Amino acid sequence: MKKRTVIKRHKSNYPSPISFMAGEVVSIGKYDEEYPGWVWITKTDGNEGWAPVQFLEIDSNKGVATENYNAVELNTYVGETLLIEQELNEWGWAKNSLGSFGWVPLETLNKNGVRS
């Protein structure tokens, strides 16, 4: 895990984040141009959101999840210290000081660890 400091606030634009379990089938939509490696999916319940292509076996417009995933994003504030547990496609799975987890864009964090 890496400690990183927030240098630009992040607020999620997705109030109902998607999640899926390994083996779940989803519909495949557009690929993200801003953050390569992410694809827009639709679940059978109609919920939609971004998912990492690495977590899906994609065949045309259908995908099967290869592992569990949760798209919750972490709202952050400048100066906050986060623990980054995983980095994927320019995003990091982070934990804040309150124990909340979520994805944050790596571009909103300093590159060299915690700022003093």
C-alpha atoms as a PDB file:
ATOM      1  CA  MET A   1       0.000   0.000   0.000  1.00  0.00           C
ATOM      2  CA  LYS A   2       1.095   3.536  -0.762  1.00  0.00           C
ATOM      3  CA  LYS A   3       0.220   6.669   1.169  1.00  0.00           C
ATOM      4  CA  ARG A   4      -0.714   9.520  -1.158  1.00  0.00           C
ATOM      5  CA  THR A   5      -1.947  13.062  -0.523  1.00  0.00           C
ATOM      6  CA  VAL A   6      -4.935  14.523  -2.359  1.00  0.00           C
ATOM      7  CA  ILE A   7      -3.886  17.570  -4.424  1.00  0.00           C
ATOM      8  CA  LYS A   8      -7.213  18.038  -6.275  1.00  0.00           C
ATOM      9  CA  ARG A   9     -10.645  17.342  -4.806  1.00  0.00           C
ATOM     10  CA  HIS A  10     -12.658  14.468  -6.307  1.00  0.00           C
ATOM     11  CA  LYS A  11     -16.442  14.138  -6.160  1.00  0.00           C
ATOM     12  CA  SER A  12     -18.205  11.151  -7.660  1.00  0.00           C
ATOM     13  CA  ASN A  13     -20.679  11.743 -10.485  1.00  0.00           C
ATOM     14  CA  TYR A  14     -22.277   8.326  -9.940  1.00  0.00           C
ATOM     15  CA  PRO A  15     -24.690   8.119  -6.969  1.00  0.00           C
ATOM     16  CA  SER A  16     -25.631   4.478  -7.751  1.00  0.00           C
ATOM     17  CA  PRO A  17     -22.319   2.720  -8.447  1.00  0.00           C
ATOM     18  CA  ILE A  18     -22.435  -0.632 -10.153  1.00  0.00           C
ATOM     19  CA  SER A  19     -21.048  -3.810  -8.695  1.00  0.00           C
ATOM     20  CA  PHE A  20     -20.887  -7.360  -9.965  1.00  0.00           C
ATOM     21  CA  MET A  21     -19.791 -10.807  -8.915  1.00  0.00           C
ATOM     22  CA  ALA A  22     -17.529 -13.192 -10.792  1.00  0.00           C
ATOM     23  CA  GLY A  23     -19.567 -15.097 -13.356  1.00  0.00           C
ATOM     24  CA  GLU A  24     -22.179 -12.366 -13.814  1.00  0.00           C
ATOM     25  CA  VAL A  25     -23.109 -11.507 -17.428  1.00  0.00           C
ATOM     26  CA  VAL A  26     -23.246  -7.841 -18.492  1.00  0.00           C
ATOM     27  CA  SER A  27     -23.843  -5.897 -21.697  1.00  0.00           C
ATOM     28  CA  ILE A  28     -20.846  -4.063 -23.129  1.00  0.00           C
ATOM     29  CA  GLY A  29     -21.154  -0.459 -24.293  1.00  0.00           C
ATOM     30  CA  LYS A  30     -18.628   2.218 -25.205  1.00  0.00           C
ATOM     31  CA  TYR A  31     -14.974   2.245 -24.178  1.00  0.00           C
ATOM     32  CA  ASP A  32     -13.715   5.219 -22.158  1.00  0.00           C
ATOM     33  CA  GLU A  33     -11.494   7.569 -24.171  1.00  0.00           C
ATOM     34  CA  GLU A  34     -10.358   9.660 -21.186  1.00  0.00           C
ATOM     35  CA  TYR A  35      -9.305   6.655 -19.075  1.00  0.00           C
ATOM     36  CA  PRO A  36      -8.328   3.746 -21.348  1.00  0.00           C
ATOM     37  CA  GLY A  37      -9.056   0.322 -19.912  1.00  0.00           C
ATOM     38  CA  TRP A  38     -12.593   1.130 -18.734  1.00  0.00           C
ATOM     39  CA  VAL A  39     -15.800   0.089 -20.484  1.00  0.00           C
ATOM     40  CA  TRP A  40     -19.425   1.174 -19.931  1.00  0.00           C
ATOM     41  CA  ILE A  41     -21.514  -1.817 -18.908  1.00  0.00           C
ATOM     42  CA  THR A  42     -25.176  -2.458 -18.264  1.00  0.00           C
ATOM     43  CA  LYS A  43     -26.270  -5.089 -15.768  1.00  0.00           C
ATOM     44  CA  THR A  44     -29.391  -7.214 -16.161  1.00  0.00           C
ATOM     45  CA  ASP A  45     -31.139  -4.996 -13.546  1.00  0.00           C
ATOM     46  CA  GLY A  46     -30.535  -1.951 -15.794  1.00  0.00           C
ATOM     47  CA  ASN A  47     -27.867  -0.330 -13.585  1.00  0.00           C
ATOM     48  CA  GLU A  48     -25.023   1.121 -15.691  1.00  0.00           C
ATOM     49  CA  GLY A  49     -21.470   2.251 -15.035  1.00  0.00           C
ATOM     50  CA  TRP A  50     -17.769   1.978 -15.792  1.00  0.00           C
ATOM     51  CA  ALA A  51     -15.874  -1.269 -15.211  1.00  0.00           C
ATOM     52  CA  PRO A  52     -12.272  -2.283 -15.835  1.00  0.00           C
ATOM     53  CA  VAL A  53     -11.828  -4.439 -18.931  1.00  0.00           C
ATOM     54  CA  GLN A  54      -9.374  -6.589 -16.946  1.00  0.00           C
ATOM     55  CA  PHE A  55     -12.289  -7.885 -14.827  1.00  0.00           C
ATOM     56  CA  LEU A  56     -14.337  -9.047 -17.842  1.00  0.00           C
ATOM     57  CA  GLU A  57     -14.149 -11.674 -20.561  1.00  0.00           C
ATOM     58  CA  ILE A  58     -15.583  -9.693 -23.466  1.00  0.00           C
ATOM     59  CA  ASP A  59     -17.150 -11.234 -26.552  1.00  0.00           C
ATOM     60  CA  SER A  60     -18.687  -8.637 -28.866  1.00  0.00           C
ATOM     61  CA  ASN A  61     -21.403  -6.815 -26.866  1.00  0.00           C
ATOM     62  CA  LYS A  62     -21.504  -9.215 -23.889  1.00  0.00           C
ATOM     63  CA  GLY A  63     -19.119  -9.724 -21.011  1.00  0.00           C
ATOM     64  CA  VAL A  64     -18.689 -12.213 -18.194  1.00  0.00           C
ATOM     65  CA  ALA A  65     -17.143 -10.971 -14.950  1.00  0.00           C
ATOM     66  CA  THR A  66     -13.932 -12.782 -14.065  1.00  0.00           C
ATOM     67  CA  GLU A  67     -13.830 -11.343 -10.533  1.00  0.00           C
ATOM     68  CA  ASN A  68     -15.911  -9.299  -8.113  1.00  0.00           C
ATOM     69  CA  TYR A  69     -16.005  -5.523  -8.646  1.00  0.00           C
ATOM     70  CA  ASN A  70     -17.511  -2.458  -6.995  1.00  0.00           C
ATOM     71  CA  ALA A  71     -17.461   0.926  -8.787  1.00  0.00           C
ATOM     72  CA  VAL A  72     -17.930   3.105  -5.695  1.00  0.00           C
ATOM     73  CA  GLU A  73     -15.837   6.272  -5.890  1.00  0.00           C
ATOM     74  CA  LEU A  74     -14.345   8.021  -2.880  1.00  0.00           C
ATOM     75  CA  ASN A  75     -15.115  11.718  -2.455  1.00  0.00           C
ATOM     76  CA  THR A  76     -11.919  13.440  -1.339  1.00  0.00           C
ATOM     77  CA  TYR A  77     -10.639  16.820  -0.159  1.00  0.00           C
ATOM     78  CA  VAL A  78      -7.299  18.558  -0.731  1.00  0.00           C
ATOM     79  CA  GLY A  79      -4.701  17.653   1.877  1.00  0.00           C
ATOM     80  CA  GLU A  80      -6.340  14.349   2.814  1.00  0.00           C
ATOM     81  CA  THR A  81      -4.056  11.314   3.080  1.00  0.00           C
ATOM     82  CA  LEU A  82      -5.227   8.097   1.424  1.00  0.00           C
ATOM     83  CA  LEU A  83      -3.885   4.552   1.421  1.00  0.00           C
ATOM     84  CA  ILE A  84      -3.832   3.231  -2.140  1.00  0.00           C
ATOM     85  CA  GLU A  85      -4.336  -0.538  -2.167  1.00  0.00           C
ATOM     86  CA  GLN A  86      -4.539  -1.068  -5.924  1.00  0.00           C
ATOM     87  CA  GLU A  87      -3.845   0.961  -9.062  1.00  0.00           C
ATOM     88  CA  LEU A  88      -5.750   0.170 -12.246  1.00  0.00           C
ATOM     89  CA  ASN A  89      -6.153   2.137 -15.485  1.00  0.00           C
ATOM     90  CA  GLU A  90      -5.180   5.515 -13.983  1.00  0.00           C
ATOM     91  CA  TRP A  91      -7.408   5.029 -10.903  1.00  0.00           C
ATOM     92  CA  GLY A  92      -6.595   3.851  -7.411  1.00  0.00           C
ATOM     93  CA  TRP A  93      -8.637   1.832  -4.908  1.00  0.00           C
ATOM     94  CA  ALA A  94      -8.183   3.937  -1.784  1.00  0.00           C
ATOM     95  CA  LYS A  95      -8.984   3.983   1.926  1.00  0.00           C
ATOM     96  CA  ASN A  96      -9.396   7.271   3.793  1.00  0.00           C
ATOM     97  CA  SER A  97      -8.794   8.018   7.483  1.00  0.00           C
ATOM     98  CA  LEU A  98     -12.445   7.233   8.305  1.00  0.00           C
ATOM     99  CA  GLY A  99     -12.082   3.708   6.898  1.00  0.00           C
ATOM    100  CA  SER A 100     -14.160   4.365   3.756  1.00  0.00           C
ATOM    101  CA  PHE A 101     -13.045   2.763   0.483  1.00  0.00           C
ATOM    102  CA  GLY A 102     -13.505   3.803  -3.141  1.00  0.00           C
ATOM    103  CA  TRP A 103     -11.868   4.566  -6.472  1.00  0.00           C
ATOM    104  CA  VAL A 104     -10.101   7.908  -7.049  1.00  0.00           C
ATOM    105  CA  PRO A 105      -8.364   9.239 -10.169  1.00  0.00           C
ATOM    106  CA  LEU A 106      -4.595   9.006  -9.639  1.00  0.00           C
ATOM    107  CA  GLU A 107      -4.208  12.423 -11.299  1.00  0.00           C
ATOM    108  CA  THR A 108      -5.837  13.956  -8.173  1.00  0.00           C
ATOM    109  CA  LEU A 109      -3.051  12.599  -5.920  1.00  0.00           C
ATOM    110  CA  ASN A 110       0.565  13.630  -5.485  1.00  0.00           C
ATOM    111  CA  LYS A 111       3.045  11.317  -7.174  1.00  0.00           C
ATOM    112  CA  ASN A 112       5.606  10.933  -4.385  1.00  0.00           C
ATOM    113  CA  GLY A 113       3.710   9.794  -1.332  1.00  0.00           C
ATOM    114  CA  VAL A 114       2.553  11.911   1.589  1.00  0.00           C
ATOM    115  CA  ARG A 115       3.265  15.620   1.544  1.00  0.00           C
ATOM    116  CA  SER A 116       4.809  17.041   4.701  1.00  0.00           C
END
